[in-house]
PDB file of N, CA and C in Angstrom:
ATOM      1  N   UNK A   1    -152.122  18.791  68.113  1.00  0.00           N
ATOM      2  CA  UNK A   1    -151.360  17.333  68.621  1.00  0.00           C
ATOM      3  C   UNK A   1    -150.181  16.967  67.733  1.00  0.00           C
ATOM      4  N   UNK A   2    -149.318  16.837  68.408  1.00  0.00           N
ATOM      5  CA  UNK A   2    -148.104  15.870  67.693  1.00  0.00           C
ATOM      6  C   UNK A   2    -147.593  15.346  67.329  1.00  0.00           C
ATOM      7  N   UNK A   3    -146.645  14.587  67.524  1.00  0.00           N
ATOM      8  CA  UNK A   3    -146.931  13.147  66.716  1.00  0.00           C
ATOM      9  C   UNK A   3    -145.184  12.754  66.855  1.00  0.00           C
ATOM     10  N   UNK A   4    -145.087  11.230  67.841  1.00  0.00           N
ATOM     11  CA  UNK A   4    -143.385  10.960  67.788  1.00  0.00           C
ATOM     12  C   UNK A   4    -143.963   9.549  66.733  1.00  0.00           C
ATOM     13  N   UNK A   5    -142.255   9.731  66.091  1.00  0.00           N
ATOM     14  CA  UNK A   5    -142.025   8.285  65.240  1.00  0.00           C
ATOM     15  C   UNK A   5    -141.141   7.721  65.731  1.00  0.00           C
ATOM     16  N   UNK A   6    -140.675   6.831  66.621  1.00  0.00           N
ATOM     17  CA  UNK A   6    -139.648   5.510  66.542  1.00  0.00           C
ATOM     18  C   UNK A   6    -139.764   4.612  66.168  1.00  0.00           C
ATOM     19  N   UNK A   7    -138.570   4.467  66.180  1.00  0.00           N
ATOM     20  CA  UNK A   7    -138.192   1.988  66.027  1.00  0.00           C
ATOM     21  C   UNK A   7    -138.306   1.808  67.977  1.00  0.00           C
ATOM     22  N   UNK A   8    -138.573   0.223  67.251  1.00  0.00           N
ATOM     23  CA  UNK A   8    -138.850  -0.609  68.551  1.00  0.00           C
ATOM     24  C   UNK A   8    -138.437  -1.600  68.101  1.00  0.00           C
ATOM     25  N   UNK A   9    -137.982  -2.359  68.930  1.00  0.00           N
ATOM     26  CA  UNK A   9    -138.404  -4.302  69.323  1.00  0.00           C
ATOM     27  C   UNK A   9    -139.924  -4.354  69.599  1.00  0.00           C
ATOM     28  N   UNK A  10    -141.092  -4.207  69.347  1.00  0.00           N
ATOM     29  CA  UNK A  10    -142.181  -4.128  69.656  1.00  0.00           C
ATOM     30  C   UNK A  10    -142.557  -5.250  68.779  1.00  0.00           C
ATOM     31  N   UNK A  11    -142.005  -6.633  68.382  1.00  0.00           N
ATOM     32  CA  UNK A  11    -143.127  -7.735  67.239  1.00  0.00           C
ATOM     33  C   UNK A  11    -143.589  -8.829  67.668  1.00  0.00           C
ATOM     34  N   UNK A  12    -143.723  -8.700  68.682  1.00  0.00           N
ATOM     35  CA  UNK A  12    -145.452  -9.709  69.188  1.00  0.00           C
ATOM     36  C   UNK A  12    -146.482  -9.000  69.644  1.00  0.00           C
ATOM     37  N   UNK A  13    -147.543  -9.483  69.608  1.00  0.00           N
ATOM     38  CA  UNK A  13    -148.837  -9.214  70.697  1.00  0.00           C
ATOM     39  C   UNK A  13    -148.049  -9.300  71.603  1.00  0.00           C
ATOM     40  N   UNK A  14    -147.712 -10.141  72.470  1.00  0.00           N
ATOM     41  CA  UNK A  14    -147.420 -10.146  73.933  1.00  0.00           C
ATOM     42  C   UNK A  14    -146.454  -8.190  74.535  1.00  0.00           C
ATOM     43  N   UNK A  15    -145.777  -8.231  73.667  1.00  0.00           N
ATOM     44  CA  UNK A  15    -144.905  -6.553  73.540  1.00  0.00           C
ATOM     45  C   UNK A  15    -145.965  -6.178  73.674  1.00  0.00           C
ATOM     46  N   UNK A  16    -146.800  -6.599  72.848  1.00  0.00           N
ATOM     47  CA  UNK A  16    -147.655  -4.771  72.705  1.00  0.00           C
ATOM     48  C   UNK A  16    -148.765  -4.754  73.201  1.00  0.00           C
ATOM     49  N   UNK A  17    -149.135  -5.657  74.376  1.00  0.00           N
ATOM     50  CA  UNK A  17    -149.983  -5.582  75.339  1.00  0.00           C
ATOM     51  C   UNK A  17    -149.296  -5.053  76.796  1.00  0.00           C
ATOM     52  N   UNK A  18    -147.426  -5.165  76.530  1.00  0.00           N
ATOM     53  CA  UNK A  18    -147.389  -4.504  77.410  1.00  0.00           C
ATOM     54  C   UNK A  18    -147.269  -2.749  77.398  1.00  0.00           C
ATOM     55  N   UNK A  19    -146.832  -2.922  76.162  1.00  0.00           N
ATOM     56  CA  UNK A  19    -146.705  -1.036  75.849  1.00  0.00           C
ATOM     57  C   UNK A  19    -147.982  -0.657  76.395  1.00  0.00           C
ATOM     58  N   UNK A  20    -149.693  -1.377  75.501  1.00  0.00           N
ATOM     59  CA  UNK A  20    -150.643  -1.069  75.988  1.00  0.00           C
ATOM     60  C   UNK A  20    -151.059  -0.749  77.683  1.00  0.00           C
ATOM     61  N   UNK A  21    -150.707  -1.117  78.356  1.00  0.00           N
ATOM     62  CA  UNK A  21    -150.585  -1.309  79.707  1.00  0.00           C
ATOM     63  C   UNK A  21    -150.018  -0.091  80.175  1.00  0.00           C
ATOM     64  N   UNK A  22    -148.930   0.543  79.865  1.00  0.00           N
ATOM     65  CA  UNK A  22    -148.044   2.250  79.710  1.00  0.00           C
ATOM     66  C   UNK A  22    -148.654   2.916  78.976  1.00  0.00           C
ATOM     67  N   UNK A  23    -149.326   2.885  77.505  1.00  0.00           N
ATOM     68  CA  UNK A  23    -149.086   4.004  77.146  1.00  0.00           C
ATOM     69  C   UNK A  23    -151.175   4.237  76.879  1.00  0.00           C
ATOM     70  N   UNK A  24    -152.005   3.218  77.450  1.00  0.00           N
ATOM     71  CA  UNK A  24    -153.163   3.927  76.908  1.00  0.00           C
ATOM     72  C   UNK A  24    -153.593   5.059  78.238  1.00  0.00           C
ATOM     73  N   UNK A  25    -152.815   5.077  80.042  1.00  0.00           N
ATOM     74  CA  UNK A  25    -152.760   5.542  81.028  1.00  0.00           C
ATOM     75  C   UNK A  25    -151.985   6.186  81.214  1.00  0.00           C
ATOM     76  N   UNK A  26    -150.973   6.940  80.041  1.00  0.00           N
ATOM     77  CA  UNK A  26    -150.313   7.940  79.992  1.00  0.00           C
ATOM     78  C   UNK A  26    -151.162   9.260  79.366  1.00  0.00           C
ATOM     79  N   UNK A  27    -151.617  10.661  81.061  1.00  0.00           N
ATOM     80  CA  UNK A  27    -152.617  11.211  80.397  1.00  0.00           C
ATOM     81  C   UNK A  27    -151.814  12.523  78.432  1.00  0.00           C
ATOM     82  N   UNK A  28    -150.716  12.822  78.655  1.00  0.00           N
ATOM     83  CA  UNK A  28    -149.927  12.558  77.151  1.00  0.00           C
ATOM     84  C   UNK A  28    -150.800  12.524  76.085  1.00  0.00           C
ATOM     85  N   UNK A  29    -150.743  10.827  75.979  1.00  0.00           N
ATOM     86  CA  UNK A  29    -151.164  10.351  74.883  1.00  0.00           C
ATOM     87  C   UNK A  29    -152.737  10.627  74.132  1.00  0.00           C
ATOM     88  N   UNK A  30    -152.432  10.702  73.637  1.00  0.00           N
ATOM     89  CA  UNK A  30    -154.258  10.801  72.225  1.00  0.00           C
ATOM     90  C   UNK A  30    -154.448   9.169  72.624  1.00  0.00           C
ATOM     91  N   UNK A  31    -153.501   8.875  71.288  1.00  0.00           N
ATOM     92  CA  UNK A  31    -153.854   8.034  70.687  1.00  0.00           C
ATOM     93  C   UNK A  31    -151.787   7.135  69.825  1.00  0.00           C
ATOM     94  N   UNK A  32    -152.076   5.615  70.193  1.00  0.00           N
ATOM     95  CA  UNK A  32    -151.130   5.802  69.904  1.00  0.00           C
ATOM     96  C   UNK A  32    -150.848   4.289  68.384  1.00  0.00           C
ATOM     97  N   UNK A  33    -149.614   3.994  68.213  1.00  0.00           N
ATOM     98  CA  UNK A  33    -150.671   2.139  67.246  1.00  0.00           C
ATOM     99  C   UNK A  33    -148.640   1.591  67.181  1.00  0.00           C
ATOM    100  N   UNK A  34    -148.790   0.512  66.789  1.00  0.00           N
ATOM    101  CA  UNK A  34    -147.089  -0.343  66.129  1.00  0.00           C
ATOM    102  C   UNK A  34    -147.451  -0.837  64.705  1.00  0.00           C
ATOM    103  N   UNK A  35    -146.594  -0.867  64.480  1.00  0.00           N
ATOM    104  CA  UNK A  35    -146.620  -1.878  62.660  1.00  0.00           C
ATOM    105  C   UNK A  35    -146.059  -3.143  62.966  1.00  0.00           C
ATOM    106  N   UNK A  36    -146.263  -4.104  63.688  1.00  0.00           N
ATOM    107  CA  UNK A  36    -144.945  -4.900  63.648  1.00  0.00           C
ATOM    108  C   UNK A  36    -145.036  -5.495  62.471  1.00  0.00           C
ATOM    109  N   UNK A  37    -145.230  -5.375  61.255  1.00  0.00           N
ATOM    110  CA  UNK A  37    -144.351  -5.490  59.647  1.00  0.00           C
ATOM    111  C   UNK A  37    -143.849  -5.061  59.366  1.00  0.00           C
ATOM    112  N   UNK A  38    -144.172  -3.657  60.157  1.00  0.00           N
ATOM    113  CA  UNK A  38    -142.848  -2.979  59.256  1.00  0.00           C
ATOM    114  C   UNK A  38    -141.111  -3.355  60.067  1.00  0.00           C
ATOM    115  N   UNK A  39    -140.480  -2.994  59.087  1.00  0.00           N
ATOM    116  CA  UNK A  39    -139.070  -3.395  59.336  1.00  0.00           C
ATOM    117  C   UNK A  39    -137.953  -2.570  60.639  1.00  0.00           C
ATOM    118  N   UNK A  40    -138.729  -1.840  60.897  1.00  0.00           N
ATOM    119  CA  UNK A  40    -138.830  -1.080  62.637  1.00  0.00           C
ATOM    120  C   UNK A  40    -139.996  -0.984  63.257  1.00  0.00           C
ATOM    121  N   UNK A  41    -140.325  -1.988  63.120  1.00  0.00           N
ATOM    122  CA  UNK A  41    -141.737  -1.990  64.188  1.00  0.00           C
ATOM    123  C   UNK A  41    -142.287  -0.359  64.238  1.00  0.00           C
ATOM    124  N   UNK A  42    -142.891   0.297  63.525  1.00  0.00           N
ATOM    125  CA  UNK A  42    -143.066   1.704  63.873  1.00  0.00           C
ATOM    126  C   UNK A  42    -144.130   1.605  64.954  1.00  0.00           C
ATOM    127  N   UNK A  43    -143.370   2.666  65.940  1.00  0.00           N
ATOM    128  CA  UNK A  43    -144.495   3.197  67.175  1.00  0.00           C
ATOM    129  C   UNK A  43    -144.845   4.795  67.113  1.00  0.00           C
ATOM    130  N   UNK A  44    -145.970   4.307  66.723  1.00  0.00           N
ATOM    131  CA  UNK A  44    -146.311   6.276  66.404  1.00  0.00           C
ATOM    132  C   UNK A  44    -147.303   6.511  67.253  1.00  0.00           C
ATOM    133  N   UNK A  45    -147.399   7.835  68.243  1.00  0.00           N
ATOM    134  CA  UNK A  45    -148.053   8.235  69.281  1.00  0.00           C
ATOM    135  C   UNK A  45    -148.286   9.522  68.909  1.00  0.00           C
ATOM    136  N   UNK A  46    -149.711   9.873  69.228  1.00  0.00           N
ATOM    137  CA  UNK A  46    -150.374  11.063  68.554  1.00  0.00           C
ATOM    138  C   UNK A  46    -149.935  12.046  70.130  1.00  0.00           C
ATOM    139  N   UNK A  47    -149.702  12.831  70.582  1.00  0.00           N
ATOM    140  CA  UNK A  47    -149.503  13.211  72.152  1.00  0.00           C
ATOM    141  C   UNK A  47    -149.968  14.707  71.874  1.00  0.00           C
ATOM    142  N   UNK A  48    -150.199  15.045  72.781  1.00  0.00           N
ATOM    143  CA  UNK A  48    -151.117  17.041  73.292  1.00  0.00           C
ATOM    144  C   UNK A  48    -150.147  18.261  74.364  1.00  0.00           C
ATOM    145  N   UNK A  49    -148.821  16.401  75.001  1.00  0.00           N
ATOM    146  CA  UNK A  49    -148.525  18.205  75.193  1.00  0.00           C
ATOM    147  C   UNK A  49    -146.116  17.414  75.437  1.00  0.00           C
ATOM    148  N   UNK A  50    -145.976  18.111  76.223  1.00  0.00           N
ATOM    149  CA  UNK A  50    -144.097  17.674  76.315  1.00  0.00           C
ATOM    150  C   UNK A  50    -144.320  16.279  76.175  1.00  0.00           C
ATOM    151  N   UNK A  51    -143.166  16.149  74.922  1.00  0.00           N
ATOM    152  CA  UNK A  51    -143.459  14.367  75.587  1.00  0.00           C
ATOM    153  C   UNK A  51    -142.060  14.236  74.393  1.00  0.00           C
ATOM    154  N   UNK A  52    -141.048  13.636  74.585  1.00  0.00           N
ATOM    155  CA  UNK A  52    -139.735  13.018  73.789  1.00  0.00           C
ATOM    156  C   UNK A  52    -140.062  11.594  73.613  1.00  0.00           C
ATOM    157  N   UNK A  53    -138.951  11.035  72.061  1.00  0.00           N
ATOM    158  CA  UNK A  53    -138.614   9.917  73.169  1.00  0.00           C
ATOM    159  C   UNK A  53    -137.777   9.411  73.260  1.00  0.00           C
ATOM    160  N   UNK A  54    -137.311  10.108  74.154  1.00  0.00           N
ATOM    161  CA  UNK A  54    -136.395   9.736  75.743  1.00  0.00           C
ATOM    162  C   UNK A  54    -137.508   8.907  76.526  1.00  0.00           C
ATOM    163  N   UNK A  55    -138.535  10.187  76.560  1.00  0.00           N
ATOM    164  CA  UNK A  55    -139.010   9.704  77.552  1.00  0.00           C
ATOM    165  C   UNK A  55    -140.017   8.303  77.492  1.00  0.00           C
ATOM    166  N   UNK A  56    -140.241   8.233  76.865  1.00  0.00           N
ATOM    167  CA  UNK A  56    -141.601   6.869  75.914  1.00  0.00           C
ATOM    168  C   UNK A  56    -140.085   6.086  76.218  1.00  0.00           C
ATOM    169  N   UNK A  57    -139.234   5.808  75.717  1.00  0.00           N
ATOM    170  CA  UNK A  57    -137.704   4.929  75.840  1.00  0.00           C
ATOM    171  C   UNK A  57    -138.019   4.781  77.290  1.00  0.00           C
ATOM    172  N   UNK A  58    -137.763   5.545  77.978  1.00  0.00           N
ATOM    173  CA  UNK A  58    -137.944   6.100  79.865  1.00  0.00           C
ATOM    174  C   UNK A  58    -139.056   4.673  80.686  1.00  0.00           C
ATOM    175  N   UNK A  59    -139.961   4.742  80.146  1.00  0.00           N
ATOM    176  CA  UNK A  59    -141.282   3.947  79.771  1.00  0.00           C
ATOM    177  C   UNK A  59    -140.805   2.552  80.138  1.00  0.00           C
ATOM    178  N   UNK A  60    -140.644   2.382  78.530  1.00  0.00           N
ATOM    179  CA  UNK A  60    -140.853   0.732  78.375  1.00  0.00           C
ATOM    180  C   UNK A  60    -139.405  -0.043  78.243  1.00  0.00           C
ATOM    181  N   UNK A  61    -138.562   0.773  78.833  1.00  0.00           N
ATOM    182  CA  UNK A  61    -137.176  -0.115  79.809  1.00  0.00           C
ATOM    183  C   UNK A  61    -137.573  -0.407  80.288  1.00  0.00           C
ATOM    184  N   UNK A  62    -138.065  -0.679  81.416  1.00  0.00           N
ATOM    185  CA  UNK A  62    -138.576  -2.139  82.549  1.00  0.00           C
ATOM    186  C   UNK A  62    -138.623  -2.747  81.726  1.00  0.00           C
ATOM    187  N   UNK A  63    -139.533  -2.793  80.637  1.00  0.00           N
ATOM    188  CA  UNK A  63    -140.309  -3.840  79.935  1.00  0.00           C
ATOM    189  C   UNK A  63    -138.958  -5.608  79.399  1.00  0.00           C
ATOM    190  N   UNK A  64    -138.580  -4.177  78.687  1.00  0.00           N
ATOM    191  CA  UNK A  64    -137.106  -4.906  78.232  1.00  0.00           C
ATOM    192  C   UNK A  64    -137.850  -4.212  76.493  1.00  0.00           C
ATOM    193  N   UNK A  65    -138.497  -3.392  76.416  1.00  0.00           N
ATOM    194  CA  UNK A  65    -138.489  -2.707  75.505  1.00  0.00           C
ATOM    195  C   UNK A  65    -137.754  -1.684  75.238  1.00  0.00           C
ATOM    196  N   UNK A  66    -137.778  -0.574  73.350  1.00  0.00           N
ATOM    197  CA  UNK A  66    -137.266   0.237  73.884  1.00  0.00           C
ATOM    198  C   UNK A  66    -137.265   0.925  72.262  1.00  0.00           C
ATOM    199  N   UNK A  67    -137.308   1.550  72.151  1.00  0.00           N
ATOM    200  CA  UNK A  67    -137.366   3.190  70.745  1.00  0.00           C
ATOM    201  C   UNK A  67    -136.785   3.876  71.115  1.00  0.00           C
ATOM    202  N   UNK A  68    -136.097   4.310  69.403  1.00  0.00           N
ATOM    203  CA  UNK A  68    -135.387   5.549  69.178  1.00  0.00           C
ATOM    204  C   UNK A  68    -136.081   6.028  67.943  1.00  0.00           C
ATOM    205  N   UNK A  69    -136.101   7.550  68.259  1.00  0.00           N
ATOM    206  CA  UNK A  69    -136.499   8.519  66.953  1.00  0.00           C
ATOM    207  C   UNK A  69    -136.852   8.509  65.725  1.00  0.00           C
ATOM    208  N   UNK A  70    -137.291   8.179  65.101  1.00  0.00           N
ATOM    209  CA  UNK A  70    -136.998   8.419  63.366  1.00  0.00           C
ATOM    210  C   UNK A  70    -137.421   9.319  63.171  1.00  0.00           C
ATOM    211  N   UNK A  71    -136.766   9.956  61.912  1.00  0.00           N
ATOM    212  CA  UNK A  71    -137.717  10.901  61.508  1.00  0.00           C
ATOM    213  C   UNK A  71    -138.758  11.046  60.601  1.00  0.00           C
ATOM    214  N   UNK A  72    -139.398  12.601  60.536  1.00  0.00           N
ATOM    215  CA  UNK A  72    -140.923  11.903  60.352  1.00  0.00           C
ATOM    216  C   UNK A  72    -140.906  11.879  58.713  1.00  0.00           C
TER     217      UNK A  72
END
């Protein structure tokens, strides 16, 4: 299992639900969480094939969301 740790602008439950609509159905993503209390609103994604922070950002951008890689 691989792990992406991303800084995001997912600050509300409404935005989190938008993310769920995209990430819950992605074939490579096993599990994901958002820490909305963290200053960086950390999005953690566990995945099992090739996936990059740029891939996730491209999926979320149409919804007005962004993410950027953080060091592990």
